[in-house]
Amino acid sequence: MVPKNLAVFASGRGSNFQAILKNIISGRIPASVKLCITNNPAAGVIEIAQQHDIAVRVINPKSFPDAGAFNDAILKEVTEFRIDYIILAGYLKLIGRQIVEQYENRIINIHPALLPAFGGKGMYGHHVHEAIFESGVRISGATVHLVNSEYDSGPIVLQKSVDISDVSSPGEIAERVLKIEHEIFPEAVKLLVEDKLIVKGKRVEICAQ
């Protein structure tokens, strides 16, 4: 199989980016990360990308007159790098419709909860874990899903749960869920680049072969 070209979008420290890179370097995922895009010039993910000689583009929406121009700038970069798949690893901006349409079913995202619960606009990072803690639920987890033009509403690829019945803070939930993310996100990326995902409406079937 010819390795696929990936672009990783991230806004933070990049731990999921590291988990994916580890699986690429080991040969488990037949792909190569060619581009890292971030909206945050202070994001830790920039250093990770530079350490692996991956091109970095800081594209801040505040530098553009509107969302359309912002997303056009992103689309220009992924087109120039001949990107096959886009991986959202803690990217805090909504992906524009023009990108979603060009990369239909080729954009994947990790969310730190069991969607469709605790998802949607404003539900990211510590906000998710705080809401989960306050709700009193005893199970949380992580979800990997394909991306459409609405927050956290694309077809679900993989989910895994974790017991949080004994936690005493949102931070403890975050620690447990992050471990789950590092397990299922590389697995989902592998399935994606190996063309093993079949989308049927809101459901995703995984090919056995």
Protein backbone atom coordinates (compact mmCIF):
# COMPACT_ATOMS: atom_id res chain seq x y z
CA MET A 1 0.00 0.00 0.00
CA VAL A 2 1.30 3.45 -0.95
CA PRO A 3 1.60 5.57 2.23
CA LYS A 4 -1.04 8.29 2.48
CA ASN A 5 -0.27 11.95 3.10
CA LEU A 6 -1.75 13.33 6.32
CA ALA A 7 -2.28 16.82 7.66
CA VAL A 8 -2.71 17.10 11.41
CA PHE A 9 -4.65 20.07 12.78
CA ALA A 10 -4.13 20.87 16.47
CA SER A 11 -4.46 23.80 18.85
CA GLY A 12 -2.73 22.50 21.96
CA ARG A 13 0.12 20.42 23.29
CA GLY A 14 -0.24 17.61 20.75
CA SER A 15 -0.32 14.39 22.80
CA ASN A 16 -2.67 12.71 20.32
CA PHE A 17 -0.40 13.89 17.52
CA GLN A 18 2.47 12.14 19.29
CA ALA A 19 0.44 8.94 19.67
CA ILE A 20 -0.30 8.90 15.94
CA LEU A 21 3.31 9.67 15.00
CA LYS A 22 4.50 6.81 17.19
CA ASN A 23 2.28 4.41 15.25
CA ILE A 24 3.45 5.82 11.91
CA ILE A 25 7.12 5.55 12.86
CA SER A 26 6.62 1.93 13.97
CA GLY A 27 5.07 1.13 10.57
CA ARG A 28 1.66 0.31 12.01
CA ILE A 29 -0.06 3.17 10.18
CA PRO A 30 0.84 3.34 6.45
CA ALA A 31 0.98 7.10 6.24
CA SER A 32 3.22 10.14 6.48
CA VAL A 33 2.40 13.42 8.19
CA LYS A 34 3.32 16.12 5.69
CA LEU A 35 1.71 19.14 7.31
CA CYS A 36 0.73 20.48 10.72
CA ILE A 37 -1.80 23.31 10.86
CA THR A 38 -2.59 25.24 14.03
CA ASN A 39 -4.49 28.39 14.91
CA ASN A 40 -2.35 28.88 18.02
CA PRO A 41 1.21 30.23 17.59
CA ALA A 42 2.05 29.00 21.11
CA ALA A 43 0.76 25.45 20.61
CA GLY A 44 3.04 22.68 21.82
CA VAL A 45 2.24 20.73 18.70
CA ILE A 46 4.50 23.08 16.73
CA GLU A 47 7.61 21.85 18.51
CA ILE A 48 6.60 18.22 17.99
CA ALA A 49 6.14 18.80 14.27
CA GLN A 50 9.47 20.61 13.94
CA GLN A 51 11.27 17.78 15.75
CA HIS A 52 9.99 15.43 13.02
CA ASP A 53 10.71 17.81 10.11
CA ILE A 54 7.02 18.31 9.44
CA ALA A 55 5.95 21.57 7.80
CA VAL A 56 4.01 23.89 10.11
CA ARG A 57 1.49 26.54 9.16
CA VAL A 58 0.02 28.89 11.77
CA ILE A 59 -3.29 30.05 10.32
CA ASN A 60 -5.17 32.31 12.72
CA PRO A 61 -8.79 33.18 11.89
CA LYS A 62 -8.23 36.68 13.31
CA SER A 63 -5.94 37.36 10.35
CA PHE A 64 -8.80 37.00 7.87
CA PRO A 65 -11.89 39.10 7.12
CA ASP A 66 -14.29 36.19 7.52
CA ALA A 67 -14.56 32.43 8.07
CA GLY A 68 -14.69 31.76 4.34
CA ALA A 69 -11.32 33.40 3.72
CA PHE A 70 -9.86 31.61 6.74
CA ASN A 71 -10.93 28.21 5.48
CA ASP A 72 -9.84 29.00 1.93
CA ALA A 73 -6.34 29.64 3.28
CA ILE A 74 -6.38 26.23 4.97
CA LEU A 75 -7.68 24.52 1.84
CA LYS A 76 -4.89 26.12 -0.18
CA GLU A 77 -2.26 24.59 2.10
CA VAL A 78 -3.69 21.07 2.19
CA THR A 79 -4.07 21.15 -1.60
CA GLU A 80 -0.48 22.26 -2.14
CA PHE A 81 0.80 19.47 0.12
CA ARG A 82 -1.38 16.91 -1.70
CA ILE A 83 -3.02 15.81 1.53
CA ASP A 84 -5.12 12.65 1.41
CA TYR A 85 -6.59 12.81 4.92
CA ILE A 86 -7.02 15.46 7.61
CA ILE A 87 -6.59 14.47 11.26
CA LEU A 88 -8.08 16.80 13.89
CA ALA A 89 -6.10 16.20 17.07
CA GLY A 90 -7.46 18.77 19.48
CA TYR A 91 -8.23 21.44 16.89
CA LEU A 92 -10.59 24.03 18.33
CA LYS A 93 -11.97 25.63 15.17
CA LEU A 94 -14.93 24.53 13.10
CA ILE A 95 -13.89 23.09 9.74
CA GLY A 96 -15.48 25.08 6.91
CA ARG A 97 -17.96 23.59 4.50
CA GLN A 98 -15.62 24.04 1.54
CA ILE A 99 -13.03 21.83 3.25
CA VAL A 100 -15.59 19.24 4.37
CA GLU A 101 -16.98 18.96 0.84
CA GLN A 102 -13.56 18.49 -0.76
CA TYR A 103 -12.50 15.98 1.90
CA GLU A 104 -15.81 14.21 2.41
CA ASN A 105 -15.33 11.24 4.80
CA ARG A 106 -11.58 11.96 4.84
CA ILE A 107 -11.48 14.13 7.97
CA ILE A 108 -11.39 12.48 11.38
CA ASN A 109 -11.68 13.96 14.88
CA ILE A 110 -11.17 12.84 18.47
CA HIS A 111 -13.66 13.97 21.16
CA PRO A 112 -13.13 13.40 24.90
CA ALA A 113 -16.60 12.01 25.65
CA LEU A 114 -19.03 9.39 24.45
CA LEU A 115 -20.90 11.24 21.70
CA PRO A 116 -23.61 12.26 21.16
CA ALA A 117 -23.50 13.12 24.87
CA PHE A 118 -21.39 16.10 25.95
CA GLY A 119 -20.68 17.34 22.44
CA GLY A 120 -21.39 20.43 20.38
CA LYS A 121 -20.22 24.02 20.27
CA GLY A 122 -18.19 25.03 23.30
CA MET A 123 -17.72 21.45 24.45
CA TYR A 124 -13.98 20.89 24.25
CA GLY A 125 -11.11 20.12 26.59
CA HIS A 126 -11.73 20.85 30.25
CA HIS A 127 -15.26 22.11 29.50
CA VAL A 128 -16.26 18.57 28.57
CA HIS A 129 -14.77 16.97 31.66
CA GLU A 130 -16.26 19.61 33.96
CA ALA A 131 -19.71 19.03 32.48
CA ILE A 132 -19.32 15.27 32.85
CA PHE A 133 -18.16 15.59 36.46
CA GLU A 134 -21.05 17.89 37.36
CA SER A 135 -23.57 15.56 35.67
CA GLY A 136 -22.69 12.71 38.01
CA VAL A 137 -22.45 10.08 35.26
CA ARG A 138 -20.31 7.08 36.17
CA ILE A 139 -18.97 6.25 32.71
CA SER A 140 -17.10 8.47 30.28
CA GLY A 141 -14.79 7.76 27.37
CA ALA A 142 -13.67 8.98 23.98
CA THR A 143 -15.11 9.04 20.48
CA VAL A 144 -13.45 9.15 17.08
CA HIS A 145 -15.76 10.36 14.33
CA LEU A 146 -15.75 11.54 10.76
CA VAL A 147 -16.23 15.27 10.38
CA ASN A 148 -19.08 17.18 8.80
CA SER A 149 -19.87 20.90 9.00
CA GLU A 150 -21.40 20.71 12.50
CA TYR A 151 -19.53 20.28 15.77
CA ASP A 152 -19.19 16.64 16.88
CA SER A 153 -22.03 15.30 14.75
CA GLY A 154 -20.31 13.22 12.05
CA PRO A 155 -20.57 9.41 11.80
CA ILE A 156 -18.89 7.60 14.70
CA VAL A 157 -15.91 5.38 13.87
CA LEU A 158 -14.75 4.12 17.27
CA GLN A 159 -15.69 4.61 20.92
CA LYS A 160 -14.29 3.32 24.18
CA SER A 161 -15.55 3.84 27.70
CA VAL A 162 -13.84 4.19 31.06
CA ASP A 163 -15.16 3.92 34.61
CA ILE A 164 -15.17 7.28 36.41
CA SER A 165 -17.35 6.28 39.36
CA ASP A 166 -14.58 6.94 41.88
CA VAL A 167 -13.12 10.20 40.57
CA SER A 168 -12.97 13.32 42.73
CA SER A 169 -12.32 15.97 40.07
CA PRO A 170 -12.69 16.76 36.36
CA GLY A 171 -8.91 16.48 36.11
CA GLU A 172 -9.04 12.81 37.05
CA ILE A 173 -11.60 12.23 34.31
CA ALA A 174 -9.32 13.99 31.82
CA GLU A 175 -6.37 11.74 32.73
CA ARG A 176 -8.36 8.54 32.29
CA VAL A 177 -10.00 9.64 29.07
CA LEU A 178 -6.70 10.78 27.53
CA LYS A 179 -5.31 7.25 27.90
CA ILE A 180 -8.35 5.97 26.00
CA GLU A 181 -7.84 8.61 23.29
CA HIS A 182 -4.25 7.48 22.74
CA GLU A 183 -5.53 3.91 22.20
CA ILE A 184 -8.41 4.44 19.82
CA PHE A 185 -7.29 7.46 17.78
CA PRO A 186 -4.28 5.75 16.12
CA GLU A 187 -6.47 2.70 15.50
CA ALA A 188 -9.11 4.83 13.79
CA VAL A 189 -6.50 6.63 11.68
CA LYS A 190 -5.14 3.24 10.60
CA LEU A 191 -8.61 2.10 9.53
CA LEU A 192 -9.16 5.37 7.66
CA VAL A 193 -5.95 5.34 5.64
CA GLU A 194 -6.34 1.63 4.87
CA ASP A 195 -9.76 2.42 3.36
CA LYS A 196 -11.58 0.11 5.77
CA LEU A 197 -14.41 2.49 6.69
CA ILE A 198 -17.73 2.26 4.85
CA VAL A 199 -20.12 5.12 5.60
CA LYS A 200 -23.82 4.34 5.43
CA GLY A 201 -25.77 7.39 6.51
CA LYS A 202 -24.89 8.07 10.15
CA ARG A 203 -23.31 4.65 10.65
CA VAL A 204 -19.80 3.46 9.86
CA GLU A 205 -19.04 -0.15 9.02
CA ILE A 206 -15.50 -1.47 9.41
CA CYS A 207 -14.27 -3.88 6.74
CA ALA A 208 -12.82 -7.09 8.10
CA GLN A 209 -10.19 -7.40 5.36
